[in-house]
Structure formats: structure tokens, C-alpha cells
Amino acid sequence: MRSNEVQIGMLVRVSERHRIMDYRGQTGMVQQRYGDVNYAAFDVQFGEGRSDLFCHHELEEAQEFH
């Protein structure tokens, strides 16, 4: 995804190529955007309550929670 395509409240899935195996394929909701609209970091909250920051290229749009 491009940075400007990621919106607060959007359901996203972490890329299967993410460097941290525990996040690969996890689905969460974008809670906050930090930085410039062209290259931002996104705070993604997962169903179990944990959250972390991701770059746009680490995310893809999801249709449902897994």
C-alpha cells in the first residue's frame, strides 16, 4: 500500500514478509498516523489489545479479522 492510502480506522494485515514473525499475517485496525502523509508510520491495534508501529509497505488492506 502507499502511505496516503492508509486511513485511520482501516482494517489492515501485516505483510507475510515482515521481519518479526509474530506479526506476519496478523490483522488489526489503524489507530493513528505519525509523520508526513507521503511517508508515515501507523499505529496498528490488534484484537488481543497489543499495538505497534508499521510503515505503509508492511501493510495491506484486509477485509476481515483473522
Foldseek 3Di string as FASTA:
>chain_A
DFLLVADAQFKKAFDLPDPDNVRHGFIFGFHDWDDDSRWIWTWTAGPVGDIDIDTPVRIDGDDDGD
